[in-house]
N, C-alpha and C. Protein backbone atom coordinates (compact mmCIF):
# COMPACT_ATOMS: atom_id res chain seq x y z
N MET A 1 148.03 69.60 121.57
CA MET A 1 148.12 69.53 122.77
C MET A 1 149.42 68.83 123.25
N GLU A 2 150.04 68.98 124.71
CA GLU A 2 150.47 68.66 125.89
C GLU A 2 149.89 67.38 126.11
N SER A 3 151.22 65.61 125.30
CA SER A 3 151.27 65.05 126.17
C SER A 3 151.00 64.25 127.57
N CYS A 4 149.55 63.55 128.05
CA CYS A 4 149.15 64.04 129.62
C CYS A 4 148.80 61.73 129.30
N GLY A 5 147.55 61.52 129.97
CA GLY A 5 147.11 60.74 130.68
C GLY A 5 146.15 60.79 129.41
N GLY A 6 145.38 61.09 129.51
CA GLY A 6 143.73 61.54 128.43
C GLY A 6 144.11 62.09 127.30
N ALA A 7 145.77 62.33 127.24
CA ALA A 7 146.04 62.81 125.75
C ALA A 7 145.45 62.15 124.04
N ASN A 8 145.45 61.01 124.41
CA ASN A 8 146.07 59.87 122.53
C ASN A 8 144.07 59.45 122.56
N HIS A 9 143.72 59.61 123.73
CA HIS A 9 141.65 60.02 123.61
C HIS A 9 141.74 60.95 123.30
N TRP A 10 141.52 62.12 123.81
CA TRP A 10 141.35 63.27 123.12
C TRP A 10 141.98 63.70 122.21
N ALA A 11 142.98 62.93 121.07
CA ALA A 11 143.76 63.15 120.45
C ALA A 11 143.00 62.51 119.10
N ARG A 12 142.30 61.26 119.60
CA ARG A 12 141.86 60.36 118.38
C ARG A 12 140.44 61.26 117.94
N VAL A 13 139.25 61.23 119.29
CA VAL A 13 138.22 62.06 119.17
C VAL A 13 138.22 63.28 119.03
N PHE A 14 139.50 64.39 118.84
CA PHE A 14 139.60 65.63 117.72
C PHE A 14 139.94 64.73 116.60
N GLN A 15 140.36 64.03 116.66
CA GLN A 15 140.54 63.79 114.79
C GLN A 15 139.44 63.48 114.16
N LYS A 16 138.47 62.93 115.00
CA LYS A 16 137.44 62.16 114.53
C LYS A 16 136.51 63.64 114.10
N LYS A 17 136.60 64.93 114.47
CA LYS A 17 135.68 65.84 114.02
C LYS A 17 136.27 66.87 113.41
N GLY A 18 137.59 65.49 112.83
CA GLY A 18 137.84 66.53 111.93
C GLY A 18 139.42 67.33 112.10
N HIS A 19 139.79 67.76 113.42
CA HIS A 19 140.49 68.36 113.50
C HIS A 19 142.13 67.68 113.65
N GLU A 20 143.52 68.33 113.24
CA GLU A 20 144.50 68.00 113.32
C GLU A 20 145.43 68.28 114.54
N VAL A 21 145.33 66.92 114.48
CA VAL A 21 145.95 67.11 116.29
C VAL A 21 148.09 67.47 115.97
N LYS A 22 148.23 67.91 117.70
CA LYS A 22 150.13 67.30 117.25
C LYS A 22 150.39 66.70 119.59
N LEU A 23 150.98 66.53 119.67
CA LEU A 23 150.99 66.12 120.79
C LEU A 23 151.99 66.46 121.06
N ILE A 24 152.06 66.69 122.15
CA ILE A 24 154.07 67.81 121.86
C ILE A 24 154.18 67.19 124.18
N SER A 25 155.89 66.74 123.44
CA SER A 25 156.21 65.88 125.00
C SER A 25 156.08 67.35 126.26
N PRO A 26 155.69 66.68 127.11
CA PRO A 26 155.82 67.86 128.49
C PRO A 26 157.11 67.81 128.37
N GLN A 27 158.01 67.35 128.85
CA GLN A 27 158.80 67.58 128.40
C GLN A 27 159.84 69.27 127.40
N LEU A 28 159.06 69.44 127.02
CA LEU A 28 159.57 69.78 124.80
C LEU A 28 159.02 71.73 125.27
N VAL A 29 157.94 71.10 126.82
CA VAL A 29 157.06 72.63 126.90
C VAL A 29 157.79 73.88 128.03
N LYS A 30 158.48 72.45 129.12
CA LYS A 30 158.42 73.80 129.88
C LYS A 30 159.35 74.47 130.15
N PRO A 31 160.18 74.43 129.09
CA PRO A 31 161.79 75.43 128.89
C PRO A 31 160.08 76.93 128.50
N PHE A 32 159.44 76.71 127.72
CA PHE A 32 158.17 77.42 127.68
C PHE A 32 157.27 78.60 128.70
N VAL A 33 157.14 77.66 130.09
CA VAL A 33 156.43 78.25 130.66
C VAL A 33 157.37 79.32 131.53
N LYS A 34 156.52 80.62 131.79
CA LYS A 34 157.52 81.61 131.90
C LYS A 34 157.48 81.84 133.66
N THR A 35 156.37 81.55 133.86
CA THR A 35 155.92 82.36 135.21
C THR A 35 154.73 81.03 136.02
N ASN A 36 154.45 81.59 136.84
CA ASN A 36 154.31 79.97 138.03
C ASN A 36 152.66 79.14 136.66
N LYS A 37 153.11 77.83 137.45
CA LYS A 37 151.80 76.41 136.08
C LYS A 37 150.45 77.17 136.31
N ASN A 38 149.47 76.57 135.34
CA ASN A 38 148.68 77.47 135.10
C ASN A 38 147.39 76.98 133.63
N ASP A 39 146.54 77.11 133.72
CA ASP A 39 146.17 76.75 132.37
C ASP A 39 146.54 76.91 131.62
N ALA A 40 146.60 78.89 131.60
CA ALA A 40 146.82 79.78 130.32
C ALA A 40 147.99 79.99 130.49
N ASN A 41 148.66 79.42 131.23
CA ASN A 41 150.65 79.38 130.47
C ASN A 41 151.13 78.88 130.03
N ASP A 42 149.54 77.27 130.90
CA ASP A 42 150.55 76.24 129.86
C ASP A 42 150.06 76.32 128.68
N ALA A 43 148.95 77.10 127.92
CA ALA A 43 148.49 76.99 127.23
C ALA A 43 149.13 77.89 126.46
N GLU A 44 150.04 78.80 126.77
CA GLU A 44 151.49 80.12 126.43
C GLU A 44 152.12 79.55 125.41
N ALA A 45 152.63 78.30 126.50
CA ALA A 45 154.01 78.01 127.04
C ALA A 45 154.15 76.80 125.44
N ILE A 46 152.08 75.88 125.52
CA ILE A 46 152.81 74.90 124.28
C ILE A 46 152.38 75.96 123.81
N VAL A 47 151.46 77.09 123.17
CA VAL A 47 150.97 77.64 122.25
C VAL A 47 152.99 77.89 121.51
N GLU A 48 153.47 78.36 122.60
CA GLU A 48 155.29 79.06 122.00
C GLU A 48 155.88 77.99 121.45
N ALA A 49 155.93 76.59 122.16
CA ALA A 49 156.51 75.66 122.19
C ALA A 49 156.79 75.27 119.98
N ALA A 50 154.83 75.64 120.24
CA ALA A 50 153.95 74.30 118.76
C ALA A 50 154.53 74.74 117.38
N SER A 51 154.85 76.53 118.17
CA SER A 51 155.46 77.67 116.78
C SER A 51 156.55 77.21 115.93
N ARG A 52 157.94 76.59 117.13
CA ARG A 52 158.77 75.93 116.43
C ARG A 52 158.81 75.24 115.61
N ALA A 53 159.66 75.01 114.62
CA ALA A 53 160.31 75.11 113.69
C ALA A 53 160.78 73.60 113.82
N SER A 54 161.39 73.36 114.77
CA SER A 54 161.89 72.44 115.26
C SER A 54 161.44 71.18 115.96
N MET A 55 160.43 71.91 116.90
CA MET A 55 159.66 70.86 117.38
C MET A 55 159.48 69.22 117.13
N HIS A 56 159.25 68.36 117.80
CA HIS A 56 159.48 67.43 117.46
C HIS A 56 157.97 67.09 118.22
N PHE A 57 156.65 66.77 117.34
CA PHE A 57 155.90 66.42 118.37
C PHE A 57 156.02 64.43 118.53
N VAL A 58 154.72 63.79 119.33
CA VAL A 58 154.48 63.05 119.74
C VAL A 58 153.75 61.73 118.85
N PRO A 59 153.90 60.63 118.25
CA PRO A 59 152.72 60.40 117.49
C PRO A 59 151.85 59.98 119.17
N ILE A 60 150.50 59.76 117.90
CA ILE A 60 149.69 59.68 118.86
C ILE A 60 149.09 57.97 118.19
N LYS A 61 148.50 57.53 119.58
CA LYS A 61 148.47 56.14 119.97
C LYS A 61 147.10 55.31 119.59
N GLN A 62 147.46 54.75 118.85
CA GLN A 62 146.18 53.62 119.30
C GLN A 62 145.03 53.62 120.50
N VAL A 63 143.64 52.57 120.10
CA VAL A 63 143.88 52.01 121.44
C VAL A 63 144.64 50.95 121.31
N GLU A 64 144.74 49.75 120.15
CA GLU A 64 145.51 48.43 120.36
C GLU A 64 146.56 49.33 120.66
N GLN A 65 147.74 50.53 119.84
CA GLN A 65 149.02 50.18 120.90
C GLN A 65 148.34 50.89 122.94
N GLN A 66 147.86 51.04 123.40
CA GLN A 66 147.41 50.93 124.65
C GLN A 66 147.48 50.38 125.09
N ASP A 67 146.91 49.51 124.47
CA ASP A 67 146.00 48.15 125.44
C ASP A 67 147.77 47.72 125.09
N ILE A 68 148.53 47.16 124.44
CA ILE A 68 149.97 46.95 124.78
C ILE A 68 150.26 47.39 125.15
N GLN A 69 150.59 48.89 125.49
CA GLN A 69 152.04 49.21 126.35
C GLN A 69 150.91 48.60 127.98
N LEU A 70 149.46 48.99 128.62
CA LEU A 70 148.58 48.53 128.90
C LEU A 70 149.14 47.66 130.14
N PHE A 71 150.06 46.33 129.26
CA PHE A 71 149.40 44.88 129.52
C PHE A 71 151.03 44.27 129.84
N HIS A 72 152.19 45.63 128.81
CA HIS A 72 153.58 45.98 129.77
C HIS A 72 153.86 46.14 130.44
N ARG A 73 153.15 47.57 131.41
CA ARG A 73 153.23 47.84 132.86
C ARG A 73 152.27 46.79 133.32
N ALA A 74 151.40 45.77 133.38
CA ALA A 74 150.91 45.49 134.16
C ALA A 74 151.93 44.05 134.74
N ARG A 75 152.57 43.44 133.19
CA ARG A 75 153.09 42.15 133.66
C ARG A 75 154.39 43.40 134.20
N SER A 76 154.83 44.31 133.71
CA SER A 76 155.97 45.10 134.84
C SER A 76 156.00 44.41 135.65
N ARG A 77 154.35 45.17 136.48
CA ARG A 77 154.41 45.78 137.97
C ARG A 77 154.78 43.45 138.85
N LEU A 78 153.83 43.18 137.50
CA LEU A 78 153.44 41.70 137.98
C LEU A 78 154.78 41.02 138.94
N VAL A 79 156.34 41.95 138.04
CA VAL A 79 157.30 41.21 137.62
C VAL A 79 157.95 41.54 138.98
N LYS A 80 157.92 43.08 139.25
CA LYS A 80 158.04 43.64 140.22
C LYS A 80 158.11 43.36 141.30
N ASN A 81 156.26 42.28 142.13
CA ASN A 81 156.11 42.16 142.89
C ASN A 81 156.97 40.51 143.25
N CYS A 82 156.69 40.55 142.29
CA CYS A 82 157.36 38.40 142.38
C CYS A 82 158.50 38.47 142.62
N THR A 83 160.02 39.87 142.56
CA THR A 83 161.17 39.51 143.14
C THR A 83 160.80 39.77 144.10
N ALA A 84 159.89 41.20 144.02
CA ALA A 84 159.87 41.54 146.17
C ALA A 84 159.56 40.56 146.45
N LEU A 85 158.29 39.60 146.26
CA LEU A 85 158.16 38.28 147.53
C LEU A 85 159.38 37.93 147.68
N ILE A 86 160.24 37.30 145.75
CA ILE A 86 160.94 36.60 146.59
C ILE A 86 162.16 36.50 147.13
N ASN A 87 162.85 38.07 147.07
CA ASN A 87 163.51 38.50 148.05
C ASN A 87 162.92 38.51 149.50
N GLU A 88 162.15 38.05 149.59
CA GLU A 88 161.47 38.86 151.08
C GLU A 88 161.26 37.54 152.02
N ILE A 89 160.92 36.50 150.70
CA ILE A 89 161.30 34.89 151.52
C ILE A 89 162.35 34.91 151.51
N GLY A 90 163.18 34.71 150.50
CA GLY A 90 164.95 34.45 150.23
C GLY A 90 165.68 35.35 152.55
N GLY A 91 165.16 36.83 152.40
CA GLY A 91 165.39 37.37 153.80
C GLY A 91 165.14 36.82 155.09
N LEU A 92 163.94 36.72 154.84
CA LEU A 92 163.20 36.11 156.34
C LEU A 92 163.26 34.25 156.55
N ASN A 93 163.63 34.16 155.38
CA ASN A 93 164.87 32.63 155.31
C ASN A 93 165.82 32.98 156.00
N LEU A 94 166.32 33.85 156.36
CA LEU A 94 168.51 33.52 156.70
C LEU A 94 167.96 34.13 157.65
N LYS A 95 167.91 34.82 157.97
CA LYS A 95 167.23 35.18 159.81
C LYS A 95 167.23 33.69 160.66
N TYR A 96 166.78 32.56 160.11
CA TYR A 96 166.43 31.40 160.91
C TYR A 96 168.19 30.38 160.12
N GLY A 97 168.88 31.08 159.28
CA GLY A 97 169.50 30.47 159.16
C GLY A 97 169.87 29.68 157.83
N ILE A 98 168.43 29.62 157.44
CA ILE A 98 168.32 29.56 155.56
C ILE A 98 168.76 29.23 154.37
N ALA A 99 169.61 29.29 154.26
CA ALA A 99 169.91 29.42 152.64
C ALA A 99 169.01 29.16 152.16
N ILE A 100 168.39 28.91 150.88
CA ILE A 100 167.74 27.33 150.59
C ILE A 100 167.40 29.04 148.50
N PRO A 101 167.30 27.61 147.98
CA PRO A 101 166.23 28.33 146.38
C PRO A 101 165.15 28.14 146.37
N LEU A 102 164.50 29.23 146.35
CA LEU A 102 162.95 29.50 146.24
C LEU A 102 162.45 27.77 146.05
N GLY A 103 162.84 27.05 144.60
CA GLY A 103 161.71 25.87 144.58
C GLY A 103 162.49 25.71 145.62
N ALA A 104 162.66 25.30 146.34
CA ALA A 104 162.65 24.17 147.16
C ALA A 104 162.42 25.18 148.23
N LEU A 105 161.65 26.05 148.72
CA LEU A 105 161.04 26.19 150.36
C LEU A 105 159.67 25.32 150.40
N ARG A 106 159.30 24.81 149.88
CA ARG A 106 158.57 23.67 150.25
C ARG A 106 158.69 22.41 150.54
N LEU A 107 160.05 22.48 150.11
CA LEU A 107 160.34 21.05 151.53
C LEU A 107 160.76 22.29 152.62
N ILE A 108 161.63 22.76 152.78
CA ILE A 108 161.60 24.09 153.94
C ILE A 108 160.67 23.99 154.92
N ILE A 109 159.77 24.74 154.22
CA ILE A 109 158.32 24.62 154.98
C ILE A 109 158.10 23.13 155.59
N ASP A 110 157.94 22.21 154.93
CA ASP A 110 157.55 20.83 155.43
C ASP A 110 158.76 19.97 156.71
N ASP A 111 159.97 20.57 156.72
CA ASP A 111 160.89 19.94 157.60
C ASP A 111 160.90 20.62 159.08
N GLU A 112 160.31 19.86 160.17
CA GLU A 112 160.55 20.34 161.28
C GLU A 112 161.59 19.90 162.08
N SER A 113 162.71 19.36 161.54
CA SER A 113 163.61 20.09 161.83
C SER A 113 164.67 20.87 162.58
N ASN A 114 163.87 21.70 161.28
CA ASN A 114 163.96 22.78 161.00
C ASN A 114 164.20 24.83 162.73
N GLU A 115 164.64 25.61 162.58
CA GLU A 115 164.29 26.28 163.86
C GLU A 115 163.32 27.40 163.38
N LEU A 116 162.24 26.90 162.41
CA LEU A 116 160.74 27.99 161.84
C LEU A 116 160.23 27.38 162.55
N THR A 117 159.39 28.17 163.40
CA THR A 117 158.34 28.41 164.42
C THR A 117 156.76 28.02 163.67
N ALA A 118 155.87 27.86 164.34
CA ALA A 118 154.71 27.65 163.52
C ALA A 118 154.19 28.46 163.01
N SER A 119 153.89 30.10 163.11
CA SER A 119 153.56 31.22 163.23
C SER A 119 154.72 31.63 161.55
N THR A 120 155.85 31.25 161.62
CA THR A 120 156.65 31.69 160.88
C THR A 120 156.86 31.00 159.66
N ARG A 121 156.12 29.11 160.20
CA ARG A 121 155.96 28.18 159.27
C ARG A 121 154.12 28.26 158.93
N GLU A 122 153.72 29.00 158.96
CA GLU A 122 152.34 29.82 158.60
C GLU A 122 152.34 30.83 157.91
N LEU A 123 153.17 31.69 157.94
CA LEU A 123 154.10 32.84 157.02
C LEU A 123 155.13 32.12 155.92
N MET A 124 155.29 31.67 156.01
CA MET A 124 155.98 31.17 155.09
C MET A 124 155.15 30.35 154.54
N GLN A 125 154.23 29.46 154.37
CA GLN A 125 153.14 28.98 153.68
C GLN A 125 152.44 29.99 152.88
N ASP A 126 152.65 31.05 153.21
CA ASP A 126 151.29 31.80 152.81
C ASP A 126 152.04 32.72 152.01
N LEU A 127 153.29 33.33 151.43
CA LEU A 127 154.34 33.65 151.19
C LEU A 127 154.79 32.24 149.75
N TYR A 128 154.79 31.09 150.12
CA TYR A 128 154.47 30.08 148.77
C TYR A 128 153.89 30.47 148.00
N ASP A 129 152.36 30.61 148.60
CA ASP A 129 150.88 29.74 148.36
C ASP A 129 150.37 31.41 147.41
N ASP A 130 151.83 32.61 147.37
CA ASP A 130 151.71 34.17 147.05
C ASP A 130 152.38 33.60 145.87
N SER A 131 154.36 33.01 145.66
CA SER A 131 154.53 32.83 145.12
C SER A 131 154.52 32.54 143.76
N PRO A 132 155.59 32.87 142.13
CA PRO A 132 154.93 32.18 141.21
C PRO A 132 155.80 30.55 141.67
N TYR A 133 156.05 30.44 142.02
CA TYR A 133 156.33 29.11 142.11
C TYR A 133 155.45 27.47 142.74
N ALA A 134 154.18 28.11 143.27
CA ALA A 134 153.45 27.32 143.52
C ALA A 134 152.37 27.67 142.59
N LEU A 135 152.32 28.89 141.82
CA LEU A 135 151.33 28.33 140.60
C LEU A 135 151.33 27.52 139.60
N ALA A 136 153.36 27.82 139.10
CA ALA A 136 153.59 26.56 138.85
C ALA A 136 153.37 25.22 138.43
N ILE A 137 153.70 25.26 140.10
CA ILE A 137 153.01 24.24 140.38
C ILE A 137 151.33 23.32 140.10
N ALA A 138 150.95 24.74 140.54
CA ALA A 138 149.69 24.24 140.61
C ALA A 138 149.65 23.93 139.22
N VAL A 139 149.51 23.81 138.00
CA VAL A 139 148.56 24.40 136.77
C VAL A 139 149.11 22.84 136.35
């Protein structure tokens, strides 16, 4: 089978029914697709690719391995979003001439002597509340 989103699940199902399952990376199947992409041409390409003696097969992931991969992907997304939020807060503050480390954002929000308007101060508070710094202080 060509390795795709549901391939590991189906590989485990077919193995339980006694079949020998081998997964092939899509990048290794693509050179064997002769014409337009459709199910029949894909199946023919998979058979051709699988018949090669030098073909490298992808190991089938167990449920526990998929769980670990899921947690890594979720964490990666959280880190990406956190970094984007930190950069956004820093950039928005620079528009008001305020260059700060994010850990000091709480002090900037509370400082009435800077040029932040009430609406900007409220936005900064909302962003701060979503930031990991607010979460760390709340814990």
